[in-house]
Each structure stands twice: as C-alpha cells, then as structure tokens.
Amino acid sequence: MVYLYRRIIRFQDTDAAGVVYFANILAMCHEAYEASLTKAEINLKQFFTHPDYAIPVVHATVDFRFPLFCGDEVLIELMPQVINENTFKIEYKLLLEKSQQLIAKATTKHICIDPKTRQRKQFLPELLNWLNME
C-alpha cells in the first residue's frame, strides 16, 4: 500500500544556509508514518505507549537529490513492506508537489519487540492490518 502525506516546509526545518537540515528529512518521514497510522485508525497514544509492544526503528537511510527550502510544498509517499513476522521497512519518496521532482529517498526498518525483555515478538494485529491495507 502507498500512503501519501502532504507537507509545507517550515522555517524551523531549515539550517543556517536556508535549506532543510538533513536530519529533518527523517523527522518528516516519521511524521508521514504517524499520519498513515492515524489514517488506518490506529490510536497513536496507545500505539506508542503500549506496555507489551514497542516498534523501534533499527536502521535508517536517506539519499538526497535536491535541496528543499522554506515554503516548498512536498508530497511524501510511503510504502510499508513486511520483511518477516516481526520486521518491516518503509520506503519513502519526497517529491516537490507541483513538479513531482524527486528530492530524496529514505528507508526505515522497524522491529516489533517486548519492551520489558527487548525480545522480538510478532506484530500486533492493528499493525498487521496497517501493513496489509489496500
């Protein structure tokens, strides 16, 4: 499933050179991830504070193609993919909304764990539904 998230680049996203600070690209991707969970009717407060499950990011990469500036309107496409019963990745594309120019690509890899034992466990049902939504 492909989720779409629209966002306007804010001044606070930029660095002293006036371009988006590199780490903020991942923050925007995570914002899009949270929006997609909400769209799938997952309660974010419960999801991120669940006593029996945690879904940490264990790997992240970003490839930059062009800079973003304050006021730019971007479209973030995210495509979650199941890797196995407790691991998934999300591939992101950041595009200028009007021209569809590819600005950056990112990937985050997540695992499902028990927060007390830190051992891997199977996905919660609502996350599996989100991963399999069409």
N, C-alpha and C. Protein backbone atom coordinates (compact mmCIF):
# COMPACT_ATOMS: atom_id res chain seq x y z
N MET A 1 0.83 -1.18 0.00
CA MET A 1 0.00 0.00 0.00
C MET A 1 0.87 1.24 0.00
N VAL A 2 0.50 2.23 -0.76
CA VAL A 2 1.18 3.51 -0.79
C VAL A 2 0.32 4.53 -0.05
N TYR A 3 0.92 5.21 0.92
CA TYR A 3 0.26 6.29 1.63
C TYR A 3 0.87 7.59 1.14
N LEU A 4 0.05 8.64 1.06
CA LEU A 4 0.53 9.95 0.64
C LEU A 4 0.34 10.95 1.77
N TYR A 5 1.34 11.79 1.96
CA TYR A 5 1.29 12.81 3.01
C TYR A 5 1.81 14.12 2.44
N ARG A 6 1.03 15.16 2.58
CA ARG A 6 1.44 16.48 2.08
C ARG A 6 1.97 17.32 3.23
N ARG A 7 3.00 18.11 2.92
CA ARG A 7 3.60 18.95 3.96
C ARG A 7 4.24 20.17 3.33
N ILE A 8 4.17 21.28 4.04
CA ILE A 8 4.85 22.51 3.64
C ILE A 8 6.10 22.63 4.49
N ILE A 9 7.22 22.92 3.86
CA ILE A 9 8.48 23.09 4.58
C ILE A 9 8.41 24.39 5.37
N ARG A 10 8.71 24.30 6.64
CA ARG A 10 8.66 25.45 7.55
C ARG A 10 10.08 25.99 7.77
N PHE A 11 10.14 27.23 8.22
CA PHE A 11 11.42 27.85 8.53
C PHE A 11 12.19 27.02 9.56
N GLN A 12 11.48 26.48 10.54
CA GLN A 12 12.14 25.68 11.59
C GLN A 12 12.79 24.41 11.06
N ASP A 13 12.42 23.98 9.85
CA ASP A 13 13.01 22.78 9.24
C ASP A 13 14.38 23.06 8.63
N THR A 14 14.71 24.34 8.47
CA THR A 14 15.91 24.70 7.72
C THR A 14 17.11 25.01 8.62
N ASP A 15 18.27 25.03 8.00
CA ASP A 15 19.52 25.34 8.72
C ASP A 15 19.96 26.76 8.36
N ALA A 16 21.15 27.13 8.77
CA ALA A 16 21.66 28.49 8.54
C ALA A 16 21.82 28.81 7.05
N ALA A 17 21.94 27.79 6.22
CA ALA A 17 22.06 28.01 4.77
C ALA A 17 20.69 28.16 4.10
N GLY A 18 19.62 27.99 4.89
CA GLY A 18 18.27 28.15 4.34
C GLY A 18 17.68 26.91 3.70
N VAL A 19 18.39 25.78 3.79
CA VAL A 19 17.87 24.52 3.24
C VAL A 19 17.47 23.60 4.39
N VAL A 20 16.64 22.62 4.08
CA VAL A 20 16.21 21.68 5.12
C VAL A 20 17.41 20.97 5.71
N TYR A 21 17.49 21.00 7.02
CA TYR A 21 18.55 20.31 7.75
C TYR A 21 18.40 18.81 7.52
N PHE A 22 19.49 18.11 7.25
CA PHE A 22 19.44 16.72 6.81
C PHE A 22 18.63 15.82 7.74
N ALA A 23 18.77 15.96 9.05
CA ALA A 23 18.07 15.08 9.98
C ALA A 23 16.56 15.32 9.96
N ASN A 24 16.15 16.50 9.54
CA ASN A 24 14.71 16.81 9.49
C ASN A 24 13.98 16.03 8.40
N ILE A 25 14.71 15.54 7.42
CA ILE A 25 14.07 14.70 6.40
C ILE A 25 13.51 13.44 7.07
N LEU A 26 14.29 12.81 7.95
CA LEU A 26 13.79 11.63 8.65
C LEU A 26 12.64 11.99 9.59
N ALA A 27 12.70 13.16 10.21
CA ALA A 27 11.59 13.59 11.07
C ALA A 27 10.31 13.74 10.25
N MET A 28 10.41 14.26 9.04
CA MET A 28 9.24 14.40 8.17
C MET A 28 8.72 13.03 7.75
N CYS A 29 9.63 12.10 7.49
CA CYS A 29 9.21 10.74 7.13
C CYS A 29 8.45 10.11 8.30
N HIS A 30 8.95 10.32 9.51
CA HIS A 30 8.27 9.75 10.68
C HIS A 30 6.90 10.41 10.87
N GLU A 31 6.81 11.69 10.57
CA GLU A 31 5.53 12.40 10.63
C GLU A 31 4.54 11.74 9.65
N ALA A 32 5.01 11.42 8.46
CA ALA A 32 4.17 10.77 7.46
C ALA A 32 3.75 9.37 7.93
N TYR A 33 4.67 8.66 8.56
CA TYR A 33 4.38 7.33 9.14
C TYR A 33 3.26 7.44 10.16
N GLU A 34 3.38 8.41 11.07
CA GLU A 34 2.34 8.59 12.09
C GLU A 34 1.00 8.94 11.45
N ALA A 35 1.02 9.78 10.42
CA ALA A 35 -0.22 10.14 9.73
C ALA A 35 -0.86 8.92 9.07
N SER A 36 -0.04 8.03 8.53
CA SER A 36 -0.59 6.83 7.89
C SER A 36 -1.21 5.89 8.93
N LEU A 37 -0.60 5.83 10.11
CA LEU A 37 -1.18 5.01 11.19
C LEU A 37 -2.53 5.58 11.61
N THR A 38 -2.60 6.90 11.74
CA THR A 38 -3.86 7.55 12.09
C THR A 38 -4.92 7.29 11.03
N LYS A 39 -4.52 7.37 9.77
CA LYS A 39 -5.46 7.10 8.67
C LYS A 39 -6.01 5.68 8.75
N ALA A 40 -5.19 4.77 9.27
CA ALA A 40 -5.62 3.36 9.43
C ALA A 40 -6.36 3.15 10.76
N GLU A 41 -6.70 4.26 11.42
CA GLU A 41 -7.48 4.24 12.66
C GLU A 41 -6.73 3.58 13.82
N ILE A 42 -5.42 3.74 13.83
CA ILE A 42 -4.61 3.28 14.96
C ILE A 42 -4.46 4.46 15.92
N ASN A 43 -4.77 4.24 17.18
CA ASN A 43 -4.64 5.27 18.20
C ASN A 43 -3.16 5.46 18.51
N LEU A 44 -2.63 6.62 18.15
CA LEU A 44 -1.18 6.85 18.30
C LEU A 44 -0.72 6.80 19.74
N LYS A 45 -1.50 7.35 20.65
CA LYS A 45 -1.09 7.34 22.05
C LYS A 45 -0.95 5.90 22.54
N GLN A 46 -1.94 5.07 22.25
CA GLN A 46 -1.88 3.67 22.67
C GLN A 46 -0.76 2.93 21.94
N PHE A 47 -0.61 3.22 20.65
CA PHE A 47 0.39 2.52 19.84
C PHE A 47 1.81 2.77 20.35
N PHE A 48 2.12 4.04 20.65
CA PHE A 48 3.48 4.38 21.05
C PHE A 48 3.75 4.22 22.55
N THR A 49 2.72 3.89 23.33
CA THR A 49 2.93 3.68 24.77
C THR A 49 2.44 2.31 25.22
N HIS A 50 2.23 1.40 24.29
CA HIS A 50 1.70 0.07 24.61
C HIS A 50 2.64 -0.64 25.58
N PRO A 51 2.13 -1.21 26.67
CA PRO A 51 3.02 -1.85 27.65
C PRO A 51 3.63 -3.17 27.18
N ASP A 52 3.04 -3.79 26.15
CA ASP A 52 3.52 -5.10 25.71
C ASP A 52 4.23 -5.10 24.36
N TYR A 53 4.22 -3.97 23.68
CA TYR A 53 4.82 -3.88 22.34
C TYR A 53 5.57 -2.57 22.19
N ALA A 54 6.68 -2.63 21.48
CA ALA A 54 7.39 -1.44 21.03
C ALA A 54 7.84 -1.69 19.60
N ILE A 55 7.89 -0.64 18.82
CA ILE A 55 8.24 -0.77 17.40
C ILE A 55 9.40 0.19 17.10
N PRO A 56 10.59 -0.09 17.59
CA PRO A 56 11.70 0.84 17.35
C PRO A 56 12.21 0.78 15.91
N VAL A 57 12.74 1.91 15.49
CA VAL A 57 13.47 1.98 14.22
C VAL A 57 14.87 1.44 14.50
N VAL A 58 15.30 0.46 13.72
CA VAL A 58 16.62 -0.14 13.93
C VAL A 58 17.62 0.22 12.82
N HIS A 59 17.12 0.83 11.75
CA HIS A 59 18.01 1.24 10.66
C HIS A 59 17.30 2.33 9.87
N ALA A 60 18.06 3.32 9.43
CA ALA A 60 17.50 4.39 8.60
C ALA A 60 18.56 4.88 7.62
N THR A 61 18.11 5.19 6.41
CA THR A 61 18.99 5.77 5.40
C THR A 61 18.24 6.86 4.65
N VAL A 62 18.99 7.82 4.15
CA VAL A 62 18.41 8.87 3.31
C VAL A 62 19.40 9.16 2.18
N ASP A 63 18.86 9.26 0.98
CA ASP A 63 19.64 9.70 -0.18
C ASP A 63 19.03 11.02 -0.64
N PHE A 64 19.86 12.06 -0.70
CA PHE A 64 19.41 13.39 -1.06
C PHE A 64 19.73 13.67 -2.53
N ARG A 65 18.76 14.26 -3.23
CA ARG A 65 18.96 14.59 -4.64
C ARG A 65 19.02 16.10 -4.87
N PHE A 66 18.09 16.83 -4.21
CA PHE A 66 17.99 18.28 -4.37
C PHE A 66 17.60 18.89 -3.02
N PRO A 67 17.94 20.15 -2.80
CA PRO A 67 17.58 20.79 -1.53
C PRO A 67 16.10 21.18 -1.47
N LEU A 68 15.62 21.33 -0.26
CA LEU A 68 14.29 21.86 0.00
C LEU A 68 14.44 23.17 0.75
N PHE A 69 13.51 24.10 0.50
CA PHE A 69 13.56 25.42 1.11
C PHE A 69 12.24 25.74 1.79
N CYS A 70 12.29 26.70 2.71
CA CYS A 70 11.08 27.14 3.40
C CYS A 70 10.01 27.52 2.36
N GLY A 71 8.81 27.02 2.56
CA GLY A 71 7.71 27.30 1.64
C GLY A 71 7.48 26.24 0.58
N ASP A 72 8.47 25.38 0.35
CA ASP A 72 8.27 24.30 -0.62
C ASP A 72 7.14 23.38 -0.16
N GLU A 73 6.34 22.95 -1.09
CA GLU A 73 5.27 22.00 -0.81
C GLU A 73 5.73 20.63 -1.28
N VAL A 74 5.75 19.68 -0.35
CA VAL A 74 6.24 18.35 -0.68
C VAL A 74 5.15 17.31 -0.49
N LEU A 75 5.30 16.26 -1.24
CA LEU A 75 4.45 15.08 -1.12
C LEU A 75 5.37 13.95 -0.68
N ILE A 76 5.01 13.30 0.41
CA ILE A 76 5.80 12.17 0.89
C ILE A 76 5.01 10.90 0.62
N GLU A 77 5.58 10.05 -0.20
CA GLU A 77 4.97 8.74 -0.47
C GLU A 77 5.65 7.73 0.43
N LEU A 78 4.87 6.93 1.15
CA LEU A 78 5.49 5.88 1.95
C LEU A 78 4.86 4.55 1.61
N MET A 79 5.74 3.55 1.51
CA MET A 79 5.33 2.21 1.14
C MET A 79 5.87 1.23 2.16
N PRO A 80 5.01 0.79 3.11
CA PRO A 80 5.47 -0.20 4.08
C PRO A 80 5.52 -1.59 3.46
N GLN A 81 6.49 -2.39 3.88
CA GLN A 81 6.64 -3.74 3.36
C GLN A 81 7.03 -4.68 4.49
N VAL A 82 6.30 -5.79 4.61
CA VAL A 82 6.62 -6.80 5.61
C VAL A 82 7.90 -7.52 5.20
N ILE A 83 8.82 -7.70 6.14
CA ILE A 83 10.03 -8.49 5.89
C ILE A 83 9.85 -9.89 6.48
N ASN A 84 9.37 -9.96 7.71
CA ASN A 84 9.02 -11.24 8.34
C ASN A 84 8.00 -10.97 9.44
N GLU A 85 7.76 -11.92 10.33
CA GLU A 85 6.68 -11.80 11.32
C GLU A 85 6.91 -10.72 12.37
N ASN A 86 8.11 -10.14 12.42
CA ASN A 86 8.35 -9.09 13.41
C ASN A 86 9.17 -7.92 12.86
N THR A 87 9.34 -7.86 11.56
CA THR A 87 10.16 -6.82 10.95
C THR A 87 9.47 -6.27 9.71
N PHE A 88 9.50 -4.95 9.58
CA PHE A 88 9.01 -4.32 8.35
C PHE A 88 9.90 -3.13 8.02
N LYS A 89 9.81 -2.71 6.77
CA LYS A 89 10.51 -1.50 6.37
C LYS A 89 9.53 -0.57 5.69
N ILE A 90 9.90 0.69 5.68
CA ILE A 90 9.10 1.69 4.98
C ILE A 90 10.03 2.41 4.02
N GLU A 91 9.64 2.45 2.77
CA GLU A 91 10.38 3.21 1.77
C GLU A 91 9.62 4.51 1.53
N TYR A 92 10.36 5.61 1.53
CA TYR A 92 9.77 6.94 1.36
C TYR A 92 10.34 7.61 0.12
N LYS A 93 9.50 8.37 -0.55
CA LYS A 93 9.94 9.26 -1.61
C LYS A 93 9.42 10.65 -1.27
N LEU A 94 10.29 11.64 -1.29
CA LEU A 94 9.89 13.02 -1.09
C LEU A 94 9.94 13.72 -2.43
N LEU A 95 8.81 14.26 -2.84
CA LEU A 95 8.67 14.88 -4.15
C LEU A 95 8.18 16.31 -3.98
N LEU A 96 8.65 17.23 -4.84
CA LEU A 96 8.02 18.54 -4.89
C LEU A 96 6.62 18.32 -5.44
N GLU A 97 5.64 18.84 -4.76
CA GLU A 97 4.26 18.50 -5.14
C GLU A 97 3.89 18.96 -6.55
N LYS A 98 4.25 20.16 -6.93
CA LYS A 98 3.82 20.68 -8.24
C LYS A 98 4.53 20.00 -9.41
N SER A 99 5.85 19.83 -9.31
CA SER A 99 6.61 19.28 -10.43
C SER A 99 6.82 17.78 -10.35
N GLN A 100 6.56 17.19 -9.17
CA GLN A 100 6.81 15.77 -8.92
C GLN A 100 8.30 15.42 -8.99
N GLN A 101 9.17 16.43 -8.89
CA GLN A 101 10.62 16.20 -8.88
C GLN A 101 11.01 15.43 -7.62
N LEU A 102 11.78 14.36 -7.81
CA LEU A 102 12.24 13.57 -6.68
C LEU A 102 13.33 14.34 -5.94
N ILE A 103 13.08 14.59 -4.66
CA ILE A 103 14.01 15.35 -3.82
C ILE A 103 14.89 14.42 -3.00
N ALA A 104 14.28 13.40 -2.41
CA ALA A 104 15.03 12.47 -1.55
C ALA A 104 14.31 11.14 -1.48
N LYS A 105 15.07 10.11 -1.16
CA LYS A 105 14.53 8.79 -0.86
C LYS A 105 15.03 8.41 0.51
N ALA A 106 14.18 7.74 1.27
CA ALA A 106 14.59 7.29 2.61
C ALA A 106 14.01 5.91 2.86
N THR A 107 14.63 5.20 3.78
CA THR A 107 14.14 3.90 4.22
C THR A 107 14.31 3.81 5.73
N THR A 108 13.28 3.30 6.40
CA THR A 108 13.41 2.98 7.82
C THR A 108 13.03 1.52 8.00
N LYS A 109 13.77 0.84 8.87
CA LYS A 109 13.49 -0.56 9.19
C LYS A 109 13.07 -0.61 10.65
N HIS A 110 11.98 -1.32 10.93
CA HIS A 110 11.39 -1.38 12.26
C HIS A 110 11.25 -2.84 12.70
N ILE A 111 11.38 -3.07 14.01
CA ILE A 111 11.11 -4.40 14.55
C ILE A 111 10.08 -4.28 15.67
N CYS A 112 9.36 -5.35 15.88
CA CYS A 112 8.39 -5.43 16.96
C CYS A 112 9.04 -6.19 18.11
N ILE A 113 9.05 -5.56 19.30
CA ILE A 113 9.67 -6.20 20.46
C ILE A 113 8.78 -6.08 21.69
N ASP A 114 9.08 -6.90 22.68
CA ASP A 114 8.52 -6.75 24.01
C ASP A 114 9.39 -5.72 24.72
N PRO A 115 8.82 -4.59 25.18
CA PRO A 115 9.66 -3.54 25.76
C PRO A 115 10.32 -3.94 27.09
N LYS A 116 9.79 -4.95 27.74
CA LYS A 116 10.38 -5.38 29.02
C LYS A 116 11.59 -6.29 28.80
N THR A 117 11.44 -7.26 27.91
CA THR A 117 12.52 -8.24 27.68
C THR A 117 13.43 -7.85 26.52
N ARG A 118 12.98 -6.91 25.68
CA ARG A 118 13.68 -6.47 24.47
C ARG A 118 13.81 -7.59 23.44
N GLN A 119 12.99 -8.64 23.59
CA GLN A 119 12.98 -9.75 22.64
C GLN A 119 11.97 -9.47 21.53
N ARG A 120 12.28 -9.97 20.36
CA ARG A 120 11.35 -9.80 19.23
C ARG A 120 10.05 -10.56 19.48
N LYS A 121 8.97 -10.01 18.95
CA LYS A 121 7.68 -10.70 19.00
C LYS A 121 6.88 -10.36 17.76
N GLN A 122 5.83 -11.12 17.53
CA GLN A 122 5.01 -10.92 16.34
C GLN A 122 4.27 -9.59 16.42
N PHE A 123 3.91 -9.08 15.23
CA PHE A 123 3.20 -7.80 15.13
C PHE A 123 1.89 -7.82 15.90
N LEU A 124 1.52 -6.65 16.41
CA LEU A 124 0.16 -6.54 16.96
C LEU A 124 -0.82 -6.58 15.79
N PRO A 125 -2.03 -7.04 16.03
CA PRO A 125 -2.99 -7.18 14.93
C PRO A 125 -3.24 -5.88 14.17
N GLU A 126 -3.35 -4.75 14.88
CA GLU A 126 -3.63 -3.49 14.16
C GLU A 126 -2.46 -3.06 13.27
N LEU A 127 -1.24 -3.39 13.67
CA LEU A 127 -0.10 -3.08 12.82
C LEU A 127 -0.10 -3.97 11.59
N LEU A 128 -0.42 -5.23 11.78
CA LEU A 128 -0.52 -6.15 10.64
C LEU A 128 -1.60 -5.68 9.68
N ASN A 129 -2.72 -5.20 10.20
CA ASN A 129 -3.77 -4.65 9.34
C ASN A 129 -3.25 -3.46 8.55
N TRP A 130 -2.50 -2.57 9.22
CA TRP A 130 -1.94 -1.41 8.54
C TRP A 130 -0.96 -1.85 7.44
N LEU A 131 -0.13 -2.83 7.73
CA LEU A 131 0.84 -3.30 6.75
C LEU A 131 0.17 -3.96 5.54
N ASN A 132 -1.00 -4.53 5.76
CA ASN A 132 -1.69 -5.26 4.69
C ASN A 132 -2.83 -4.47 4.06
N MET A 133 -3.01 -3.21 4.46
CA MET A 133 -4.11 -2.41 3.92
C MET A 133 -3.96 -2.21 2.42
N GLU A 134 -5.07 -2.18 1.77
CA GLU A 134 -5.07 -1.91 0.32
C GLU A 134 -6.00 -0.80 0.02
